[in-house]
Amino acid sequence: MHESYHNHEIRQLRDQQARFAPREKKLEQADRAEALLYAIEPGREYSFEYVCYRITGFRPDAGRSPSMSGRLLIEDLRRLVEDLSDSAEVPIDQVNQPVYTVEELSERFNVADKTISRWRQQGLVSRRFVFPGGRKRVGFLHSSVEAFTKMHGDKVARGHRFSQLSKTDKEDIVQRARMLAARGMCPGEVARQIAGQVHRSVETIRYTLRQFDERHPEIAIFPDQTGPLNLEIKERIFAEFNSGKSADQIARRYCRTRSTVYRVINEMRYQAIMDLPLDYIDSAEFHRKGAERRILESELPAADAGARKTRVPSGLPRYLASLYEVPLLTREQEQYLFRKFNFLKYRAHKLRQSLDPARPRASEMDQVEQIYQESIRVKNRIVQANLRLVVSIAKRHVSANDDFFQLVSDGNVSLIRAVEKFDYARGNKFSTYASWAIMKNFARTIPDEFRQRDRFRATSDELFLARADERGNHLLLEAEQRRREEQISRILEQLDNREQQIIISRFGLDHRHEPQTLKEVGEEMGVTKERVRQIEVRALGKLRAAAEREQIEWEPLEE
């Protein structure tokens, strides 16, 4: 039903008849309204009493409302006809004359769909019918089309002029379009400019160019700027928007409308949100009344004022020694942070489930992203307070043949996973759980060493807590590490900026940050994890070739 009527009394008439009149009466009044529409003169004034009498046969009280112009009345009568037919719910197979859809009418007159829309505003009467499958669609009675063409033959003739374009005319239009496209102009701009030059309608020019590109794809004027957007282009649009470019700038670059750009952004943003790792450890307290206030608005418990400061082990590089400056968490602080971390992900998960896949609301997606980022900040707080645990365990179990820094890097990944899987409600200390997770990972990393120790250990604790420090000289280890970092820097220069960013993030080459998963790197760069994987494979191929040229010993990089 139409909401916008120029005359509110005609709209009230629509509401009354659509609600209470039987189907036959609605169709009769729709026919009478259409007949009245053809009799209206746009320049004259008409009263509602006259209109009501012509449609219903009843004459309301005189002087109820001021008169209205014929031009506005024509628009209201057209809306009334369509609304009455809509409420009558007439199946298409019960109509006693041909009915044309918008597409069929466009094909019949060889005009664009927008031309049909313009004709409707000028008096082409449309109705709504029930098509097979139960779907309502706009249709045009054959009699209505004939009446419009008789009254507006000049409009129909102008729209039909495309059929009179000669082969030479079409070639001239194509040649002009090719020159304008070479200057970077979009299809819409090209069509508007050529229409003014050759005195044709914009629809005619647009249809000519579209038809040419469809028939000659190998020499198309706009080969990459029309048709559906593929995934790679959508990712680029999303990445450019996240980098600060406006929707107008992106629309001009990709020759799309602003609405298309925003639709792509919402689509890609929704997909990124659906890929967020929102698995959480559930707890009964999350579902109790007032959980949000108790968990999120409470303060972090105070640290133990009498806690003794941990001594920094000797021989550690500065960036590892700085880990010992972060104070350890008390049991109460751990409980507080893990409760908050999992509750935030629980809330984000519930909000994500409520998103409408067809039309996700930006405000709701904002909320999911904000909650997720807050959960990441809480997780990083937990991880930073426990990084020294990784160093301590690696320090006790590295041998002269092991890469201490690689061992620490692997242990950091295990620590992060442990934070995700730890169930705080059981009351255990996180350091105990994390130690076992790190030790299990080390058992896979240095299996020969562990098989040898299995012959002598009495308990699992002795495996890691009772072993003497058998590392080699720390200065030699640091010198070797510096040499490797210089080699890595040289071969990384063979990659472009995006490839470097992915390799550094994925394998923790920047010691200030922990290694990231495909999803995490994708979220940071504004692309999907599959695109990150593709770029990573390409970059690794370049690194292998560079390593061979530099005569650097290559070891495959794995997750």
Protein backbone atom coordinates (compact mmCIF):
# COMPACT_ATOMS: atom_id res chain seq x y z
CA MET A 1 0.00 0.00 0.00
CA HIS A 2 1.16 3.52 -0.81
CA GLU A 3 1.77 5.81 2.13
CA SER A 4 2.15 9.11 0.26
CA TYR A 5 -1.08 10.66 -1.04
CA HIS A 6 -1.34 14.34 -1.86
CA ASN A 7 -4.94 14.44 -0.59
CA HIS A 8 -5.45 12.82 2.81
CA GLU A 9 -9.18 12.35 2.16
CA ILE A 10 -8.45 10.18 -0.88
CA ARG A 11 -6.15 8.16 1.33
CA GLN A 12 -8.95 7.82 3.92
CA LEU A 13 -11.22 6.66 1.13
CA ARG A 14 -8.58 4.08 0.17
CA ASP A 15 -8.36 2.84 3.77
CA GLN A 16 -12.14 2.51 4.12
CA GLN A 17 -12.70 0.70 0.82
CA ALA A 18 -9.64 -1.56 1.16
CA ARG A 19 -10.74 -2.65 4.63
CA PHE A 20 -14.51 -3.05 4.29
CA ALA A 21 -15.55 -3.28 0.62
CA PRO A 22 -15.96 -6.76 -0.99
CA ARG A 23 -13.63 -7.77 -3.80
CA GLU A 24 -16.12 -7.03 -6.60
CA LYS A 25 -16.75 -3.53 -5.24
CA LYS A 26 -13.00 -2.83 -4.97
CA LEU A 27 -12.44 -3.85 -8.59
CA GLU A 28 -15.43 -1.79 -9.74
CA GLN A 29 -14.14 1.29 -7.93
CA ALA A 30 -10.64 0.72 -9.30
CA ASP A 31 -12.09 0.73 -12.85
CA ARG A 32 -14.09 3.91 -12.12
CA ALA A 33 -11.00 5.61 -10.62
CA GLU A 34 -9.00 4.73 -13.74
CA ALA A 35 -11.73 6.06 -16.02
CA LEU A 36 -11.80 9.29 -13.99
CA LEU A 37 -8.01 9.60 -14.26
CA TYR A 38 -8.24 9.71 -18.08
CA ALA A 39 -10.84 12.50 -17.83
CA ILE A 40 -8.84 14.74 -15.52
CA GLU A 41 -7.21 17.84 -17.01
CA PRO A 42 -3.86 18.63 -15.27
CA GLY A 43 -4.47 22.39 -15.29
CA ARG A 44 -7.90 22.37 -13.64
CA GLU A 45 -8.95 22.19 -9.97
CA TYR A 46 -11.19 19.43 -8.60
CA SER A 47 -13.05 18.97 -5.30
CA PHE A 48 -12.98 15.78 -3.24
CA GLU A 49 -16.80 15.66 -3.37
CA TYR A 50 -16.65 15.35 -7.16
CA VAL A 51 -13.92 12.68 -7.01
CA CYS A 52 -15.73 10.64 -4.35
CA TYR A 53 -19.00 10.71 -6.30
CA ARG A 54 -17.31 9.57 -9.53
CA ILE A 55 -15.63 6.63 -7.76
CA THR A 56 -18.24 5.44 -5.23
CA GLY A 57 -21.54 6.87 -6.51
CA PHE A 58 -22.08 8.67 -3.19
CA ARG A 59 -21.74 12.39 -2.66
CA PRO A 60 -20.17 13.37 0.71
CA ASP A 61 -20.96 16.57 2.60
CA ALA A 62 -19.98 19.63 0.59
CA GLY A 63 -17.21 21.96 1.63
CA ARG A 64 -15.16 19.41 3.52
CA SER A 65 -11.83 20.19 1.90
CA PRO A 66 -10.21 22.62 -0.55
CA SER A 67 -9.94 21.69 -4.19
CA MET A 68 -6.82 20.03 -5.60
CA SER A 69 -4.96 20.39 -8.89
CA GLY A 70 -5.57 17.92 -11.67
CA ARG A 71 -1.86 17.08 -11.87
CA LEU A 72 -1.72 15.93 -8.23
CA LEU A 73 -5.10 14.22 -8.52
CA ILE A 74 -3.83 12.08 -11.41
CA GLU A 75 -1.01 10.77 -9.18
CA ASP A 76 -3.40 10.04 -6.29
CA LEU A 77 -5.89 8.23 -8.55
CA ARG A 78 -3.11 6.06 -9.97
CA ARG A 79 -2.09 5.12 -6.41
CA LEU A 80 -5.71 4.44 -5.48
CA VAL A 81 -6.18 2.04 -8.40
CA GLU A 82 -3.07 0.10 -7.47
CA ASP A 83 -3.95 -0.05 -3.76
CA LEU A 84 -7.55 -1.21 -4.37
CA SER A 85 -6.34 -3.95 -6.72
CA ASP A 86 -3.67 -4.91 -4.16
CA SER A 87 -6.29 -5.39 -1.42
CA ALA A 88 -8.56 -7.35 -3.81
CA GLU A 89 -5.82 -10.01 -4.26
CA VAL A 90 -6.81 -11.03 -7.80
CA PRO A 91 -4.95 -14.07 -9.21
CA ILE A 92 -3.36 -13.33 -12.57
CA ASP A 93 -5.11 -16.28 -14.24
CA GLN A 94 -8.53 -14.79 -13.41
CA VAL A 95 -7.98 -11.57 -15.38
CA ASN A 96 -9.98 -11.47 -18.64
CA GLN A 97 -7.39 -9.54 -20.65
CA PRO A 98 -3.61 -9.65 -21.17
CA VAL A 99 -1.45 -8.38 -18.30
CA TYR A 100 2.11 -7.12 -18.85
CA THR A 101 4.88 -7.08 -16.24
CA VAL A 102 7.40 -4.23 -16.11
CA GLU A 103 9.94 -6.38 -17.96
CA GLU A 104 7.47 -7.37 -20.67
CA LEU A 105 6.35 -3.79 -21.17
CA SER A 106 9.98 -2.61 -21.40
CA GLU A 107 10.65 -5.23 -24.05
CA ARG A 108 7.48 -4.38 -25.98
CA PHE A 109 8.37 -0.68 -26.25
CA ASN A 110 12.12 -1.27 -26.30
CA VAL A 111 12.72 1.12 -23.39
CA ALA A 112 14.44 0.90 -20.01
CA ASP A 113 12.65 -0.04 -16.79
CA LYS A 114 13.20 3.52 -15.55
CA THR A 115 11.22 4.80 -18.53
CA ILE A 116 8.27 2.63 -17.47
CA SER A 117 8.58 4.09 -13.93
CA ARG A 118 8.49 7.60 -15.39
CA TRP A 119 5.42 6.74 -17.47
CA ARG A 120 3.66 5.50 -14.33
CA GLN A 121 4.22 8.88 -12.68
CA GLN A 122 2.76 10.52 -15.79
CA GLY A 123 -0.44 8.46 -15.72
CA LEU A 124 0.27 4.88 -16.86
CA VAL A 125 -2.08 2.94 -14.55
CA SER A 126 -0.67 -0.14 -12.85
CA ARG A 127 -2.34 -2.75 -10.66
CA ARG A 128 -1.15 -5.48 -8.36
CA PHE A 129 -1.96 -9.13 -9.06
CA VAL A 130 -1.20 -12.44 -7.41
CA PHE A 131 1.25 -14.31 -9.65
CA PRO A 132 1.95 -18.09 -9.55
CA GLY A 133 3.64 -19.00 -6.28
CA GLY A 134 1.53 -16.53 -4.30
CA ARG A 135 3.78 -13.52 -4.92
CA LYS A 136 2.20 -10.12 -5.62
CA ARG A 137 3.68 -8.11 -8.46
CA VAL A 138 2.86 -4.98 -10.43
CA GLY A 139 1.10 -5.58 -13.73
CA PHE A 140 -0.42 -3.45 -16.49
CA LEU A 141 -3.75 -4.27 -18.10
CA HIS A 142 -3.74 -4.24 -21.89
CA SER A 143 -6.54 -1.67 -21.83
CA SER A 144 -4.55 0.60 -19.52
CA VAL A 145 -1.50 0.46 -21.79
CA GLU A 146 -3.61 1.24 -24.86
CA ALA A 147 -5.24 4.20 -23.12
CA PHE A 148 -1.85 5.63 -22.07
CA THR A 149 -0.31 5.28 -25.53
CA LYS A 150 -3.35 7.01 -27.06
CA MET A 151 -3.08 9.92 -24.60
CA HIS A 152 0.72 10.20 -24.56
CA GLY A 153 1.80 9.03 -28.01
CA ASP A 154 4.64 11.57 -28.11
CA LYS A 155 6.19 10.20 -24.88
CA VAL A 156 5.98 6.64 -26.14
CA ALA A 157 7.48 7.65 -29.47
CA ARG A 158 10.44 9.37 -27.80
CA GLY A 159 11.08 6.31 -25.67
CA HIS A 160 10.85 4.12 -28.74
CA ARG A 161 13.36 6.15 -30.73
CA PHE A 162 16.13 3.70 -29.90
CA SER A 163 14.78 1.34 -32.54
CA GLN A 164 15.49 4.06 -35.14
CA LEU A 165 19.21 4.21 -34.34
CA SER A 166 21.16 3.33 -37.45
CA LYS A 167 24.28 1.20 -37.46
CA THR A 168 26.33 4.37 -38.00
CA ASP A 169 24.65 6.03 -35.00
CA LYS A 170 25.48 3.08 -32.79
CA GLU A 171 29.11 2.99 -33.96
CA ASP A 172 29.42 6.71 -33.24
CA ILE A 173 28.04 6.24 -29.72
CA VAL A 174 30.43 3.33 -29.06
CA GLN A 175 33.41 5.33 -30.33
CA ARG A 176 32.55 8.33 -28.14
CA ALA A 177 32.09 6.06 -25.13
CA ARG A 178 35.45 4.38 -25.67
CA MET A 179 37.23 7.73 -25.70
CA LEU A 180 35.48 8.90 -22.54
CA ALA A 181 36.10 5.60 -20.76
CA ALA A 182 39.82 5.91 -21.55
CA ARG A 183 39.80 9.13 -19.50
CA GLY A 184 38.58 7.20 -16.46
CA MET A 185 34.90 8.12 -16.63
CA CYS A 186 32.28 5.69 -15.27
CA PRO A 187 29.42 4.22 -17.33
CA GLY A 188 26.81 6.59 -15.87
CA GLU A 189 28.90 9.68 -16.57
CA VAL A 190 29.66 8.47 -20.10
CA ALA A 191 25.98 7.87 -20.86
CA ARG A 192 24.94 11.31 -19.58
CA GLN A 193 27.62 13.15 -21.54
CA ILE A 194 26.97 11.31 -24.82
CA ALA A 195 23.20 11.77 -24.43
CA GLY A 196 23.73 15.53 -24.41
CA GLN A 197 26.07 15.37 -27.40
CA VAL A 198 23.85 13.27 -29.69
CA HIS A 199 20.49 14.46 -28.32
CA ARG A 200 19.29 11.05 -27.24
CA SER A 201 17.93 9.87 -23.90
CA VAL A 202 20.34 8.62 -21.25
CA GLU A 203 18.47 5.31 -21.21
CA THR A 204 19.02 4.89 -24.95
CA ILE A 205 22.77 5.48 -24.63
CA ARG A 206 23.08 3.21 -21.60
CA TYR A 207 21.17 0.42 -23.34
CA THR A 208 23.28 0.78 -26.50
CA LEU A 209 26.56 0.48 -24.58
CA ARG A 210 25.34 -2.40 -22.42
CA GLN A 211 24.17 -4.28 -25.49
CA PHE A 212 27.52 -3.70 -27.21
CA ASP A 213 29.51 -5.01 -24.22
CA GLU A 214 27.30 -8.10 -23.96
CA ARG A 215 27.71 -8.92 -27.66
CA HIS A 216 31.44 -8.11 -27.80
CA PRO A 217 33.00 -9.06 -24.43
CA GLU A 218 36.47 -9.29 -25.95
CA ILE A 219 36.41 -5.57 -26.85
CA ALA A 220 33.94 -4.37 -24.22
CA ILE A 221 34.06 -0.70 -23.29
CA PHE A 222 33.59 -1.39 -19.57
CA PRO A 223 34.82 -4.99 -19.11
CA ASP A 224 35.60 -4.76 -15.38
CA GLN A 225 33.22 -2.05 -14.24
CA THR A 226 29.87 -3.69 -14.85
CA GLY A 227 28.18 -6.84 -13.65
CA PRO A 228 28.38 -8.46 -10.21
CA LEU A 229 31.32 -7.67 -7.96
CA ASN A 230 33.57 -10.62 -7.23
CA LEU A 231 34.98 -11.46 -3.83
CA GLU A 232 38.39 -9.89 -4.48
CA ILE A 233 36.90 -6.51 -5.45
CA LYS A 234 34.58 -6.60 -2.44
CA GLU A 235 37.59 -7.22 -0.18
CA ARG A 236 39.44 -4.28 -1.74
CA ILE A 237 36.44 -2.00 -1.25
CA PHE A 238 36.16 -3.07 2.39
CA ALA A 239 39.90 -2.60 2.99
CA GLU A 240 39.90 0.87 1.41
CA PHE A 241 36.90 1.94 3.48
CA ASN A 242 38.63 0.74 6.66
CA SER A 243 41.76 2.66 5.68
CA GLY A 244 39.79 5.91 5.72
CA LYS A 245 38.55 6.42 2.17
CA SER A 246 35.02 7.77 1.85
CA ALA A 247 32.18 5.93 0.15
CA ASP A 248 32.11 8.64 -2.55
CA GLN A 249 35.80 8.12 -3.37
CA ILE A 250 35.36 4.36 -3.56
CA ALA A 251 32.20 4.69 -5.66
CA ARG A 252 34.05 6.85 -8.21
CA ARG A 253 37.00 4.51 -8.37
CA TYR A 254 34.94 1.36 -8.96
CA CYS A 255 32.20 3.08 -10.97
CA ARG A 256 29.48 2.07 -8.54
CA THR A 257 26.81 3.93 -6.63
CA ARG A 258 27.23 4.94 -2.99
CA SER A 259 24.42 2.57 -2.04
CA THR A 260 26.29 -0.31 -3.71
CA VAL A 261 29.47 0.58 -1.83
CA TYR A 262 27.64 0.66 1.51
CA ARG A 263 25.93 -2.64 0.70
CA VAL A 264 29.31 -4.26 -0.01
CA ILE A 265 30.80 -2.79 3.17
CA ASN A 266 27.93 -4.14 5.26
CA GLU A 267 28.18 -7.53 3.56
CA MET A 268 31.92 -7.85 4.15
CA ARG A 269 31.66 -6.46 7.66
CA TYR A 270 28.94 -8.98 8.50
CA GLN A 271 31.12 -11.80 7.15
CA ALA A 272 34.09 -10.60 9.20
CA ILE A 273 31.91 -10.55 12.32
CA MET A 274 30.65 -14.07 11.60
CA ASP A 275 34.32 -15.19 11.40
CA LEU A 276 35.20 -13.73 14.82
CA PRO A 277 36.41 -16.42 17.28
CA LEU A 278 33.68 -16.06 19.90
CA ASP A 279 33.90 -19.49 21.55
CA TYR A 280 33.59 -19.03 25.31
CA ILE A 281 33.59 -21.07 28.50
CA ASP A 282 30.00 -20.87 29.69
CA SER A 283 29.03 -20.33 33.31
CA ALA A 284 25.72 -20.40 35.16
CA GLU A 285 26.39 -16.91 36.54
CA PHE A 286 26.23 -15.45 32.99
CA HIS A 287 22.52 -16.29 32.85
CA ARG A 288 21.52 -14.84 36.20
CA LYS A 289 19.70 -11.56 36.55
CA GLY A 290 22.05 -8.58 36.84
CA ALA A 291 25.08 -10.53 35.53
CA GLU A 292 26.18 -7.70 33.27
CA ARG A 293 26.27 -5.17 36.11
CA ARG A 294 28.04 -7.53 38.53
CA ILE A 295 30.68 -8.69 36.06
CA LEU A 296 31.41 -5.66 33.89
CA GLU A 297 30.96 -2.80 36.33
CA SER A 298 32.96 -4.28 39.21
CA GLU A 299 36.58 -3.25 39.81
CA LEU A 300 39.67 -5.43 39.44
CA PRO A 301 40.70 -6.72 42.89
CA ALA A 302 43.74 -4.99 44.36
CA ALA A 303 47.14 -6.65 44.07
CA ASP A 304 48.86 -8.18 47.08
CA ALA A 305 50.80 -5.30 48.63
CA GLY A 306 53.22 -7.65 50.38
CA ALA A 307 54.07 -9.68 47.25
CA ARG A 308 57.78 -10.13 46.71
CA LYS A 309 59.23 -8.82 43.46
CA THR A 310 60.46 -11.61 41.17
CA ARG A 311 64.16 -11.64 40.38
CA VAL A 312 64.94 -11.38 36.67
CA PRO A 313 67.04 -14.38 35.47
CA SER A 314 70.47 -13.45 34.21
CA GLY A 315 71.43 -13.61 30.55
CA LEU A 316 68.02 -12.73 29.10
CA PRO A 317 67.70 -10.19 26.29
CA ARG A 318 66.15 -6.87 27.29
CA TYR A 319 62.74 -7.49 25.68
CA LEU A 320 62.43 -10.84 27.54
CA ALA A 321 63.70 -9.39 30.81
CA SER A 322 61.01 -6.70 30.56
CA LEU A 323 58.36 -9.40 30.92
CA TYR A 324 59.30 -9.76 34.57
CA GLU A 325 58.31 -6.14 35.20
CA VAL A 326 54.63 -7.04 34.67
CA PRO A 327 53.24 -8.09 38.08
CA LEU A 328 51.77 -11.56 38.48
CA LEU A 329 48.02 -11.88 38.98
CA THR A 330 46.55 -12.98 42.27
CA ARG A 331 43.99 -15.78 42.30
CA GLU A 332 41.21 -13.20 42.76
CA GLN A 333 42.47 -11.10 39.86
CA GLU A 334 42.64 -14.17 37.64
CA GLN A 335 39.06 -15.10 38.50
CA TYR A 336 37.91 -11.54 37.79
CA LEU A 337 39.68 -11.28 34.39
CA PHE A 338 38.68 -14.74 33.14
CA ARG A 339 35.08 -14.17 34.20
CA LYS A 340 35.00 -10.85 32.37
CA PHE A 341 36.80 -12.26 29.30
CA ASN A 342 34.34 -15.11 28.81
CA PHE A 343 31.28 -13.03 29.64
CA LEU A 344 32.23 -10.45 27.01
CA LYS A 345 32.54 -13.16 24.38
CA TYR A 346 29.24 -14.64 25.58
CA ARG A 347 27.53 -11.27 25.06
CA ALA A 348 29.14 -10.75 21.65
CA HIS A 349 28.09 -14.28 20.62
CA LYS A 350 24.45 -13.63 21.59
CA LEU A 351 24.40 -10.30 19.76
CA ARG A 352 25.92 -11.88 16.66
CA GLN A 353 23.18 -14.51 16.62
CA SER A 354 20.56 -11.75 16.54
CA LEU A 355 21.98 -10.11 13.39
CA ASP A 356 19.80 -10.27 10.28
CA PRO A 357 21.97 -11.86 7.54
CA ALA A 358 20.01 -10.09 4.80
CA ARG A 359 20.19 -6.59 6.34
CA PRO A 360 22.51 -6.42 9.34
CA ARG A 361 22.22 -3.13 11.21
CA ALA A 362 25.41 -1.10 11.51
CA SER A 363 24.68 -0.17 15.14
CA GLU A 364 24.39 -3.83 16.13
CA MET A 365 27.60 -4.73 14.29
CA ASP A 366 29.32 -1.80 16.04
CA GLN A 367 28.27 -3.24 19.37
CA VAL A 368 29.56 -6.74 18.55
CA GLU A 369 32.92 -5.36 17.44
CA GLN A 370 33.26 -3.12 20.50
CA ILE A 371 32.54 -5.99 22.88
CA TYR A 372 34.95 -8.27 21.02
CA GLN A 373 37.74 -5.68 21.15
CA GLU A 374 37.17 -5.27 24.88
CA SER A 375 37.49 -9.06 25.31
CA ILE A 376 40.79 -8.94 23.39
CA ARG A 377 42.10 -6.26 25.76
CA VAL A 378 41.19 -8.43 28.76
CA LYS A 379 42.84 -11.48 27.16
CA ASN A 380 46.02 -9.53 26.45
CA ARG A 381 46.12 -8.46 30.11
CA ILE A 382 46.07 -12.14 31.15
CA VAL A 383 48.64 -13.16 28.53
CA GLN A 384 51.09 -10.37 29.42
CA ALA A 385 50.98 -11.30 33.09
CA ASN A 386 51.92 -14.91 32.23
CA LEU A 387 54.51 -14.48 29.47
CA ARG A 388 57.30 -14.91 32.01
CA LEU A 389 55.94 -18.41 32.65
CA VAL A 390 56.78 -19.36 29.07
CA VAL A 391 60.30 -17.94 29.39
CA SER A 392 60.89 -19.76 32.68
CA ILE A 393 59.81 -23.13 31.30
CA ALA A 394 61.74 -22.67 28.04
CA LYS A 395 64.83 -21.56 29.98
CA ARG A 396 64.84 -24.78 31.99
CA HIS A 397 64.45 -27.09 29.04
CA VAL A 398 66.40 -25.62 26.15
CA SER A 399 69.53 -27.52 25.18
CA ALA A 400 72.54 -26.40 23.19
CA ASN A 401 70.95 -27.82 20.04
CA ASP A 402 67.61 -26.06 20.55
CA ASP A 403 66.57 -22.59 19.38
CA PHE A 404 65.62 -20.85 22.61
CA PHE A 405 63.73 -18.04 20.88
CA GLN A 406 61.75 -20.47 18.73
CA LEU A 407 60.88 -22.39 21.88
CA VAL A 408 59.60 -19.18 23.52
CA SER A 409 57.58 -18.30 20.43
CA ASP A 410 55.95 -21.76 20.38
CA GLY A 411 55.26 -21.48 24.09
CA ASN A 412 53.55 -18.10 23.62
CA VAL A 413 51.14 -19.64 21.12
CA SER A 414 50.36 -22.41 23.64
CA LEU A 415 49.79 -19.80 26.35
CA ILE A 416 47.29 -17.89 24.19
CA ARG A 417 45.38 -21.06 23.44
CA ALA A 418 45.37 -21.94 27.12
CA VAL A 419 43.73 -18.60 27.94
CA GLU A 420 40.95 -19.42 25.46
CA LYS A 421 40.34 -22.89 26.95
CA PHE A 422 40.76 -22.27 30.69
CA ASP A 423 37.65 -22.89 32.82
CA TYR A 424 37.99 -20.43 35.69
CA ALA A 425 34.91 -21.80 37.46
CA ARG A 426 36.77 -24.94 38.56
CA GLY A 427 38.86 -22.89 40.97
CA ASN A 428 42.29 -23.98 39.67
CA LYS A 429 45.20 -21.57 39.29
CA PHE A 430 45.75 -20.64 35.67
CA SER A 431 49.52 -21.01 35.90
CA THR A 432 49.06 -24.74 36.63
CA TYR A 433 46.83 -25.24 33.59
CA ALA A 434 49.05 -23.11 31.34
CA SER A 435 52.23 -24.93 32.44
CA TRP A 436 50.80 -28.25 31.31
CA ALA A 437 49.69 -26.74 27.99
CA ILE A 438 53.16 -25.31 27.37
CA MET A 439 54.89 -28.52 28.44
CA LYS A 440 52.66 -30.58 26.14
CA ASN A 441 53.65 -28.36 23.24
CA PHE A 442 57.34 -28.62 24.13
CA ALA A 443 56.99 -32.40 24.18
CA ARG A 444 56.06 -32.23 20.51
CA THR A 445 58.76 -29.66 19.74
CA ILE A 446 61.71 -31.58 21.26
CA PRO A 447 60.52 -35.23 21.33
CA ASP A 448 63.99 -36.84 21.42
CA GLU A 449 64.89 -34.99 24.61
CA PHE A 450 61.65 -36.04 26.27
CA ARG A 451 61.99 -39.68 25.28
CA GLN A 452 65.42 -39.72 26.92
CA ARG A 453 64.10 -38.07 30.11
CA ASP A 454 61.20 -40.52 30.35
CA ARG A 455 63.70 -43.20 31.45
CA PHE A 456 64.71 -41.24 34.58
CA ARG A 457 61.71 -39.18 35.71
CA ALA A 458 59.73 -40.22 38.74
CA THR A 459 56.80 -37.79 38.37
CA SER A 460 55.55 -35.41 35.73
CA ASP A 461 56.53 -32.41 37.83
CA GLU A 462 60.17 -33.51 37.91
CA LEU A 463 60.24 -33.50 34.15
CA PHE A 464 60.19 -29.68 34.13
CA LEU A 465 60.89 -28.54 37.66
CA ALA A 466 63.89 -30.65 38.68
CA ARG A 467 66.12 -30.34 35.63
CA ALA A 468 69.39 -28.41 35.80
CA ASP A 469 70.14 -25.57 33.45
CA GLU A 470 72.11 -27.10 30.55
CA ARG A 471 71.95 -24.21 28.09
CA GLY A 472 74.91 -23.01 26.12
CA ASN A 473 76.51 -19.58 26.32
CA HIS A 474 73.85 -16.85 26.22
CA LEU A 475 76.07 -14.43 24.33
CA LEU A 476 76.57 -16.98 21.55
CA LEU A 477 72.83 -17.57 21.39
CA GLU A 478 72.13 -13.85 21.12
CA ALA A 479 74.77 -13.38 18.42
CA GLU A 480 73.26 -16.25 16.43
CA GLN A 481 69.82 -14.77 16.85
CA ARG A 482 70.99 -11.37 15.59
CA ARG A 483 72.56 -13.02 12.55
CA ARG A 484 69.32 -14.78 11.74
CA GLU A 485 67.32 -11.59 12.15
CA GLU A 486 69.61 -9.79 9.70
CA GLN A 487 69.16 -12.62 7.19
CA ILE A 488 65.40 -12.46 7.59
CA SER A 489 65.38 -8.68 7.12
CA ARG A 490 67.30 -9.05 3.84
CA ILE A 491 64.98 -11.60 2.30
CA LEU A 492 61.86 -9.82 3.59
CA GLU A 493 62.85 -6.84 1.43
CA GLN A 494 61.96 -9.01 -1.59
CA LEU A 495 58.27 -8.82 -0.59
CA ASP A 496 55.79 -5.99 -1.03
CA ASN A 497 54.36 -4.20 2.01
CA ARG A 498 51.27 -6.38 2.33
CA GLU A 499 53.25 -9.63 2.03
CA GLN A 500 55.75 -8.41 4.63
CA GLN A 501 52.95 -7.51 7.05
CA ILE A 502 51.36 -10.96 6.72
CA ILE A 503 54.63 -12.91 7.14
CA ILE A 504 55.73 -10.81 10.13
CA SER A 505 52.34 -11.10 11.84
CA ARG A 506 51.83 -14.79 11.12
CA PHE A 507 55.23 -15.98 12.35
CA GLY A 508 55.89 -13.47 15.14
CA LEU A 509 58.93 -11.85 13.51
CA ASP A 510 58.11 -8.63 15.36
CA HIS A 511 58.93 -9.59 18.96
CA ARG A 512 56.68 -6.82 20.30
CA HIS A 513 53.61 -8.79 19.22
CA GLU A 514 52.55 -12.40 19.49
CA PRO A 515 52.06 -14.57 16.36
CA GLN A 516 48.60 -14.18 14.85
CA THR A 517 46.20 -16.61 13.23
CA LEU A 518 44.86 -16.24 9.69
CA LYS A 519 41.63 -14.78 11.05
CA GLU A 520 43.42 -12.26 13.26
CA VAL A 521 45.64 -11.04 10.41
CA GLY A 522 42.60 -10.84 8.12
CA GLU A 523 40.68 -8.76 10.64
CA GLU A 524 43.60 -6.38 11.00
CA MET A 525 43.96 -5.94 7.22
CA GLY A 526 40.24 -5.95 6.40
CA VAL A 527 40.30 -9.12 4.23
CA THR A 528 39.12 -12.71 4.69
CA LYS A 529 41.34 -15.40 6.19
CA GLU A 530 41.33 -17.26 2.85
CA ARG A 531 42.80 -14.20 1.13
CA VAL A 532 45.49 -13.98 3.83
CA ARG A 533 46.34 -17.65 3.25
CA GLN A 534 46.68 -17.08 -0.51
CA ILE A 535 49.00 -14.10 -0.04
CA GLU A 536 51.02 -16.04 2.56
CA VAL A 537 51.59 -18.95 0.14
CA ARG A 538 52.73 -16.53 -2.55
CA ALA A 539 55.04 -14.73 -0.13
CA LEU A 540 56.60 -17.99 1.11
CA GLY A 541 57.40 -18.92 -2.48
CA LYS A 542 59.24 -15.61 -2.91
CA LEU A 543 61.09 -16.16 0.38
CA ARG A 544 62.30 -19.60 -0.72
CA ALA A 545 63.70 -18.15 -3.94
CA ALA A 546 65.33 -15.27 -2.04
CA ALA A 547 66.83 -17.65 0.52
CA GLU A 548 68.42 -19.70 -2.24
CA ARG A 549 69.93 -16.59 -3.84
CA GLU A 550 71.30 -15.47 -0.46
CA GLN A 551 72.54 -19.03 0.26
CA ILE A 552 70.54 -19.08 3.48
CA GLU A 553 69.59 -22.42 4.95
CA TRP A 554 65.80 -22.72 4.46
CA GLU A 555 63.46 -24.47 6.82
CA PRO A 556 59.76 -24.63 5.92
CA LEU A 557 57.59 -22.32 8.02
CA GLU A 558 54.57 -23.99 9.54
CA GLU A 559 51.80 -22.96 11.88
